[in-house]
Amino acid sequence: MDMWITYRLLDDSGEAGEQQRNRFTFPDTGEGFELGGQQIGYGPSIGQMHGAIRAHHNDDDADPVIVKTERA
């Protein structure tokens, strides 16, 4: 599953840096379920998204703040 993640990285003082948007690939999590006639899909966990952002920046201590997620 490919996703666009919009996020900001916190600096050492806790201030949010410039907003960034990158595409990440995660394992497929299945079809989800139907609720009230609408298909609800499963996506990656917050931990998986944080891990992907940290790996993208080669920084295990990065503190991302996720602003928005979108399926690609």
PDB file of N, CA and C in Angstrom:
ATOM      1  N   MET A   1       0.851  -1.168   0.000  1.00  0.00           N
ATOM      2  CA  MET A   1       0.000   0.000   0.000  1.00  0.00           C
ATOM      3  C   MET A   1       0.904   1.242   0.000  1.00  0.00           C
ATOM      4  N   ASP A   2       0.692   2.104  -0.968  1.00  0.00           N
ATOM      5  CA  ASP A   2       1.446   3.351  -1.034  1.00  0.00           C
ATOM      6  C   ASP A   2       0.623   4.472  -0.413  1.00  0.00           C
ATOM      7  N   MET A   3       1.296   5.304   0.357  1.00  0.00           N
ATOM      8  CA  MET A   3       0.634   6.423   1.025  1.00  0.00           C
ATOM      9  C   MET A   3       1.484   7.672   0.927  1.00  0.00           C
ATOM     10  N   TRP A   4       0.805   8.790   0.799  1.00  0.00           N
ATOM     11  CA  TRP A   4       1.451  10.085   0.940  1.00  0.00           C
ATOM     12  C   TRP A   4       1.291  10.497   2.396  1.00  0.00           C
ATOM     13  N   ILE A   5       2.378  10.904   3.016  1.00  0.00           N
ATOM     14  CA  ILE A   5       2.319  11.378   4.395  1.00  0.00           C
ATOM     15  C   ILE A   5       2.861  12.804   4.423  1.00  0.00           C
ATOM     16  N   THR A   6       2.053  13.711   4.946  1.00  0.00           N
ATOM     17  CA  THR A   6       2.466  15.093   5.148  1.00  0.00           C
ATOM     18  C   THR A   6       2.804  15.216   6.628  1.00  0.00           C
ATOM     19  N   TYR A   7       3.969  15.757   6.928  1.00  0.00           N
ATOM     20  CA  TYR A   7       4.439  15.795   8.314  1.00  0.00           C
ATOM     21  C   TYR A   7       5.411  16.947   8.526  1.00  0.00           C
ATOM     22  N   ARG A   8       5.698  17.204   9.784  1.00  0.00           N
ATOM     23  CA  ARG A   8       6.722  18.154  10.204  1.00  0.00           C
ATOM     24  C   ARG A   8       7.616  17.435  11.206  1.00  0.00           C
ATOM     25  N   LEU A   9       8.883  17.758  11.204  1.00  0.00           N
ATOM     26  CA  LEU A   9       9.803  17.195  12.188  1.00  0.00           C
ATOM     27  C   LEU A   9      10.039  18.223  13.289  1.00  0.00           C
ATOM     28  N   LEU A  10       9.970  17.771  14.534  1.00  0.00           N
ATOM     29  CA  LEU A  10      10.262  18.664  15.659  1.00  0.00           C
ATOM     30  C   LEU A  10      11.770  18.786  15.822  1.00  0.00           C
ATOM     31  N   ASP A  11      12.239  20.005  16.099  1.00  0.00           N
ATOM     32  CA  ASP A  11      13.666  20.176  16.371  1.00  0.00           C
ATOM     33  C   ASP A  11      13.927  19.963  17.864  1.00  0.00           C
ATOM     34  N   ASP A  12      15.157  20.142  18.296  1.00  0.00           N
ATOM     35  CA  ASP A  12      15.524  19.876  19.691  1.00  0.00           C
ATOM     36  C   ASP A  12      14.789  20.760  20.693  1.00  0.00           C
ATOM     37  N   SER A  13      14.319  21.930  20.242  1.00  0.00           N
ATOM     38  CA  SER A  13      13.599  22.826  21.153  1.00  0.00           C
ATOM     39  C   SER A  13      12.095  22.547  21.159  1.00  0.00           C
ATOM     40  N   GLY A  14      11.652  21.588  20.322  1.00  0.00           N
ATOM     41  CA  GLY A  14      10.234  21.252  20.265  1.00  0.00           C
ATOM     42  C   GLY A  14       9.461  22.039  19.224  1.00  0.00           C
ATOM     43  N   GLU A  15      10.147  22.885  18.460  1.00  0.00           N
ATOM     44  CA  GLU A  15       9.503  23.659  17.402  1.00  0.00           C
ATOM     45  C   GLU A  15       9.342  22.786  16.154  1.00  0.00           C
ATOM     46  N   ALA A  16       8.222  22.931  15.481  1.00  0.00           N
ATOM     47  CA  ALA A  16       7.970  22.159  14.264  1.00  0.00           C
ATOM     48  C   ALA A  16       8.676  22.805  13.081  1.00  0.00           C
ATOM     49  N   GLY A  17       9.361  21.969  12.306  1.00  0.00           N
ATOM     50  CA  GLY A  17      10.050  22.447  11.113  1.00  0.00           C
ATOM     51  C   GLY A  17       9.092  22.616   9.951  1.00  0.00           C
ATOM     52  N   GLU A  18       9.657  22.793   8.780  1.00  0.00           N
ATOM     53  CA  GLU A  18       8.880  22.989   7.562  1.00  0.00           C
ATOM     54  C   GLU A  18       8.072  21.740   7.229  1.00  0.00           C
ATOM     55  N   GLN A  19       6.862  21.950   6.737  1.00  0.00           N
ATOM     56  CA  GLN A  19       6.006  20.830   6.356  1.00  0.00           C
ATOM     57  C   GLN A  19       6.603  20.108   5.152  1.00  0.00           C
ATOM     58  N   GLN A  20       6.586  18.774   5.196  1.00  0.00           N
ATOM     59  CA  GLN A  20       7.117  17.942   4.123  1.00  0.00           C
ATOM     60  C   GLN A  20       6.061  16.919   3.723  1.00  0.00           C
ATOM     61  N   ARG A  21       6.112  16.496   2.464  1.00  0.00           N
ATOM     62  CA  ARG A  21       5.178  15.479   1.971  1.00  0.00           C
ATOM     63  C   ARG A  21       5.982  14.470   1.163  1.00  0.00           C
ATOM     64  N   ASN A  22       5.916  13.205   1.567  1.00  0.00           N
ATOM     65  CA  ASN A  22       6.646  12.148   0.882  1.00  0.00           C
ATOM     66  C   ASN A  22       5.755  10.927   0.729  1.00  0.00           C
ATOM     67  N   ARG A  23       6.107  10.112  -0.261  1.00  0.00           N
ATOM     68  CA  ARG A  23       5.368   8.871  -0.527  1.00  0.00           C
ATOM     69  C   ARG A  23       6.118   7.703   0.107  1.00  0.00           C
ATOM     70  N   PHE A  24       5.374   6.850   0.813  1.00  0.00           N
ATOM     71  CA  PHE A  24       5.938   5.689   1.489  1.00  0.00           C
ATOM     72  C   PHE A  24       5.157   4.450   1.080  1.00  0.00           C
ATOM     73  N   THR A  25       5.836   3.294   1.095  1.00  0.00           N
ATOM     74  CA  THR A  25       5.196   2.022   0.784  1.00  0.00           C
ATOM     75  C   THR A  25       5.157   1.165   2.043  1.00  0.00           C
ATOM     76  N   PHE A  26       3.977   0.636   2.341  1.00  0.00           N
ATOM     77  CA  PHE A  26       3.770  -0.218   3.510  1.00  0.00           C
ATOM     78  C   PHE A  26       3.192  -1.554   3.046  1.00  0.00           C
ATOM     79  N   PRO A  27       3.316  -2.599   3.870  1.00  0.00           N
ATOM     80  CA  PRO A  27       2.696  -3.884   3.523  1.00  0.00           C
ATOM     81  C   PRO A  27       1.182  -3.723   3.411  1.00  0.00           C
ATOM     82  N   ASP A  28       0.566  -4.473   2.517  1.00  0.00           N
ATOM     83  CA  ASP A  28      -0.885  -4.440   2.359  1.00  0.00           C
ATOM     84  C   ASP A  28      -1.528  -4.968   3.634  1.00  0.00           C
ATOM     85  N   THR A  29      -2.554  -4.273   4.104  1.00  0.00           N
ATOM     86  CA  THR A  29      -3.182  -4.640   5.374  1.00  0.00           C
ATOM     87  C   THR A  29      -4.558  -5.275   5.210  1.00  0.00           C
ATOM     88  N   GLY A  30      -4.925  -5.610   3.987  1.00  0.00           N
ATOM     89  CA  GLY A  30      -6.206  -6.271   3.777  1.00  0.00           C
ATOM     90  C   GLY A  30      -7.268  -5.320   3.254  1.00  0.00           C
ATOM     91  N   GLU A  31      -8.443  -5.870   3.032  1.00  0.00           N
ATOM     92  CA  GLU A  31      -9.528  -5.114   2.409  1.00  0.00           C
ATOM     93  C   GLU A  31     -10.297  -4.248   3.388  1.00  0.00           C
ATOM     94  N   GLY A  32     -10.184  -4.484   4.671  1.00  0.00           N
ATOM     95  CA  GLY A  32     -10.946  -3.699   5.635  1.00  0.00           C
ATOM     96  C   GLY A  32     -12.330  -4.282   5.845  1.00  0.00           C
ATOM     97  N   PHE A  33     -13.323  -3.409   6.053  1.00  0.00           N
ATOM     98  CA  PHE A  33     -14.685  -3.861   6.336  1.00  0.00           C
ATOM     99  C   PHE A  33     -15.677  -2.803   5.875  1.00  0.00           C
ATOM    100  N   GLU A  34     -16.938  -3.199   5.797  1.00  0.00           N
ATOM    101  CA  GLU A  34     -17.989  -2.271   5.396  1.00  0.00           C
ATOM    102  C   GLU A  34     -18.744  -1.809   6.634  1.00  0.00           C
ATOM    103  N   LEU A  35     -19.031  -0.521   6.696  1.00  0.00           N
ATOM    104  CA  LEU A  35     -19.776   0.054   7.821  1.00  0.00           C
ATOM    105  C   LEU A  35     -20.754   1.081   7.264  1.00  0.00           C
ATOM    106  N   GLY A  36     -22.030   0.791   7.420  1.00  0.00           N
ATOM    107  CA  GLY A  36     -23.047   1.718   6.938  1.00  0.00           C
ATOM    108  C   GLY A  36     -22.962   1.992   5.450  1.00  0.00           C
ATOM    109  N   GLY A  37     -22.595   0.978   4.674  1.00  0.00           N
ATOM    110  CA  GLY A  37     -22.496   1.137   3.238  1.00  0.00           C
ATOM    111  C   GLY A  37     -21.206   1.759   2.748  1.00  0.00           C
ATOM    112  N   GLN A  38     -20.298   2.095   3.663  1.00  0.00           N
ATOM    113  CA  GLN A  38     -19.006   2.686   3.284  1.00  0.00           C
ATOM    114  C   GLN A  38     -17.890   1.701   3.592  1.00  0.00           C
ATOM    115  N   GLN A  39     -16.962   1.552   2.651  1.00  0.00           N
ATOM    116  CA  GLN A  39     -15.831   0.653   2.851  1.00  0.00           C
ATOM    117  C   GLN A  39     -14.775   1.354   3.710  1.00  0.00           C
ATOM    118  N   ILE A  40     -14.424   0.746   4.827  1.00  0.00           N
ATOM    119  CA  ILE A  40     -13.410   1.273   5.735  1.00  0.00           C
ATOM    120  C   ILE A  40     -12.171   0.404   5.581  1.00  0.00           C
ATOM    121  N   GLY A  41     -11.068   0.992   5.183  1.00  0.00           N
ATOM    122  CA  GLY A  41      -9.833   0.240   4.972  1.00  0.00           C
ATOM    123  C   GLY A  41      -8.892   0.355   6.150  1.00  0.00           C
ATOM    124  N   TYR A  42      -8.073  -0.660   6.294  1.00  0.00           N
ATOM    125  CA  TYR A  42      -7.036  -0.635   7.307  1.00  0.00           C
ATOM    126  C   TYR A  42      -5.802   0.025   6.700  1.00  0.00           C
ATOM    127  N   GLY A  43      -5.127   0.811   7.456  1.00  0.00           N
ATOM    128  CA  GLY A  43      -3.881   1.421   6.996  1.00  0.00           C
ATOM    129  C   GLY A  43      -2.760   1.072   7.945  1.00  0.00           C
ATOM    130  N   PRO A  44      -1.594   1.594   7.686  1.00  0.00           N
ATOM    131  CA  PRO A  44      -0.465   1.340   8.585  1.00  0.00           C
ATOM    132  C   PRO A  44      -0.693   2.016   9.939  1.00  0.00           C
ATOM    133  N   SER A  45      -0.044   1.484  10.964  1.00  0.00           N
ATOM    134  CA  SER A  45      -0.162   2.075  12.296  1.00  0.00           C
ATOM    135  C   SER A  45       0.657   3.360  12.369  1.00  0.00           C
ATOM    136  N   ILE A  46       0.389   4.150  13.378  1.00  0.00           N
ATOM    137  CA  ILE A  46       1.166   5.374  13.614  1.00  0.00           C
ATOM    138  C   ILE A  46       2.637   5.010  13.812  1.00  0.00           C
ATOM    139  N   GLY A  47       2.905   3.922  14.527  1.00  0.00           N
ATOM    140  CA  GLY A  47       4.284   3.492  14.749  1.00  0.00           C
ATOM    141  C   GLY A  47       4.994   3.146  13.450  1.00  0.00           C
ATOM    142  N   GLN A  48       4.281   2.480  12.531  1.00  0.00           N
ATOM    143  CA  GLN A  48       4.872   2.165  11.228  1.00  0.00           C
ATOM    144  C   GLN A  48       5.168   3.440  10.442  1.00  0.00           C
ATOM    145  N   MET A  49       4.261   4.405  10.493  1.00  0.00           N
ATOM    146  CA  MET A  49       4.476   5.660   9.778  1.00  0.00           C
ATOM    147  C   MET A  49       5.656   6.430  10.372  1.00  0.00           C
ATOM    148  N   HIS A  50       5.716   6.510  11.701  1.00  0.00           N
ATOM    149  CA  HIS A  50       6.852   7.190  12.354  1.00  0.00           C
ATOM    150  C   HIS A  50       8.165   6.506  11.982  1.00  0.00           C
ATOM    151  N   GLY A  51       8.181   5.173  11.997  1.00  0.00           N
ATOM    152  CA  GLY A  51       9.385   4.423  11.637  1.00  0.00           C
ATOM    153  C   GLY A  51       9.823   4.696  10.205  1.00  0.00           C
ATOM    154  N   ALA A  52       8.861   4.765   9.284  1.00  0.00           N
ATOM    155  CA  ALA A  52       9.182   5.040   7.881  1.00  0.00           C
ATOM    156  C   ALA A  52       9.758   6.444   7.713  1.00  0.00           C
ATOM    157  N   ILE A  53       9.190   7.413   8.414  1.00  0.00           N
ATOM    158  CA  ILE A  53       9.692   8.792   8.330  1.00  0.00           C
ATOM    159  C   ILE A  53      11.103   8.873   8.912  1.00  0.00           C
ATOM    160  N   ARG A  54      11.319   8.220  10.054  1.00  0.00           N
ATOM    161  CA  ARG A  54      12.663   8.222  10.661  1.00  0.00           C
ATOM    162  C   ARG A  54      13.684   7.573   9.726  1.00  0.00           C
ATOM    163  N   ALA A  55      13.308   6.466   9.096  1.00  0.00           N
ATOM    164  CA  ALA A  55      14.217   5.790   8.157  1.00  0.00           C
ATOM    165  C   ALA A  55      14.494   6.676   6.942  1.00  0.00           C
ATOM    166  N   HIS A  56      13.482   7.375   6.472  1.00  0.00           N
ATOM    167  CA  HIS A  56      13.631   8.272   5.324  1.00  0.00           C
ATOM    168  C   HIS A  56      14.658   9.374   5.613  1.00  0.00           C
ATOM    169  N   HIS A  57      14.690   9.828   6.852  1.00  0.00           N
ATOM    170  CA  HIS A  57      15.607  10.904   7.246  1.00  0.00           C
ATOM    171  C   HIS A  57      16.896  10.373   7.886  1.00  0.00           C
ATOM    172  N   ASN A  58      17.038   9.047   7.945  1.00  0.00           N
ATOM    173  CA  ASN A  58      18.216   8.422   8.572  1.00  0.00           C
ATOM    174  C   ASN A  58      18.462   8.967   9.972  1.00  0.00           C
ATOM    175  N   ASP A  59      17.385   9.072  10.747  1.00  0.00           N
ATOM    176  CA  ASP A  59      17.476   9.647  12.089  1.00  0.00           C
ATOM    177  C   ASP A  59      16.530   8.896  13.024  1.00  0.00           C
ATOM    178  N   ASP A  60      17.077   7.971  13.816  1.00  0.00           N
ATOM    179  CA  ASP A  60      16.257   7.177  14.732  1.00  0.00           C
ATOM    180  C   ASP A  60      15.626   8.004  15.842  1.00  0.00           C
ATOM    181  N   ASP A  61      16.131   9.218  16.069  1.00  0.00           N
ATOM    182  CA  ASP A  61      15.612  10.069  17.134  1.00  0.00           C
ATOM    183  C   ASP A  61      14.678  11.165  16.625  1.00  0.00           C
ATOM    184  N   ALA A  62      14.380  11.165  15.322  1.00  0.00           N
ATOM    185  CA  ALA A  62      13.496  12.190  14.757  1.00  0.00           C
ATOM    186  C   ALA A  62      12.107  12.084  15.389  1.00  0.00           C
ATOM    187  N   ASP A  63      11.496  13.226  15.620  1.00  0.00           N
ATOM    188  CA  ASP A  63      10.148  13.290  16.187  1.00  0.00           C
ATOM    189  C   ASP A  63       9.187  13.870  15.158  1.00  0.00           C
ATOM    190  N   PRO A  64       8.560  13.011  14.348  1.00  0.00           N
ATOM    191  CA  PRO A  64       7.630  13.520  13.339  1.00  0.00           C
ATOM    192  C   PRO A  64       6.249  13.823  13.923  1.00  0.00           C
ATOM    193  N   VAL A  65       5.628  14.861  13.394  1.00  0.00           N
ATOM    194  CA  VAL A  65       4.243  15.185  13.698  1.00  0.00           C
ATOM    195  C   VAL A  65       3.482  15.016  12.388  1.00  0.00           C
ATOM    196  N   ILE A  66       2.625  14.014  12.328  1.00  0.00           N
ATOM    197  CA  ILE A  66       1.896  13.723  11.096  1.00  0.00           C
ATOM    198  C   ILE A  66       0.720  14.682  10.983  1.00  0.00           C
ATOM    199  N   VAL A  67       0.651  15.351   9.831  1.00  0.00           N
ATOM    200  CA  VAL A  67      -0.387  16.341   9.569  1.00  0.00           C
ATOM    201  C   VAL A  67      -1.538  15.718   8.784  1.00  0.00           C
ATOM    202  N   LYS A  68      -1.181  14.877   7.799  1.00  0.00           N
ATOM    203  CA  LYS A  68      -2.211  14.327   6.908  1.00  0.00           C
ATOM    204  C   LYS A  68      -1.679  13.052   6.245  1.00  0.00           C
ATOM    205  N   THR A  69      -2.562  12.090   6.014  1.00  0.00           N
ATOM    206  CA  THR A  69      -2.207  10.888   5.262  1.00  0.00           C
ATOM    207  C   THR A  69      -3.213  10.709   4.136  1.00  0.00           C
ATOM    208  N   GLU A  70      -2.718  10.198   2.986  1.00  0.00           N
ATOM    209  CA  GLU A  70      -3.563   9.945   1.829  1.00  0.00           C
ATOM    210  C   GLU A  70      -3.088   8.685   1.135  1.00  0.00           C
ATOM    211  N   ARG A  71      -4.009   7.868   0.690  1.00  0.00           N
ATOM    212  CA  ARG A  71      -3.604   6.722  -0.129  1.00  0.00           C
ATOM    213  C   ARG A  71      -3.159   7.235  -1.482  1.00  0.00           C
ATOM    214  N   ALA A  72      -2.080   6.646  -1.981  1.00  0.00           N
ATOM    215  CA  ALA A  72      -1.549   7.075  -3.296  1.00  0.00           C
ATOM    216  C   ALA A  72      -2.285   6.382  -4.407  1.00  0.00           C
TER     217      ALA A  72
END
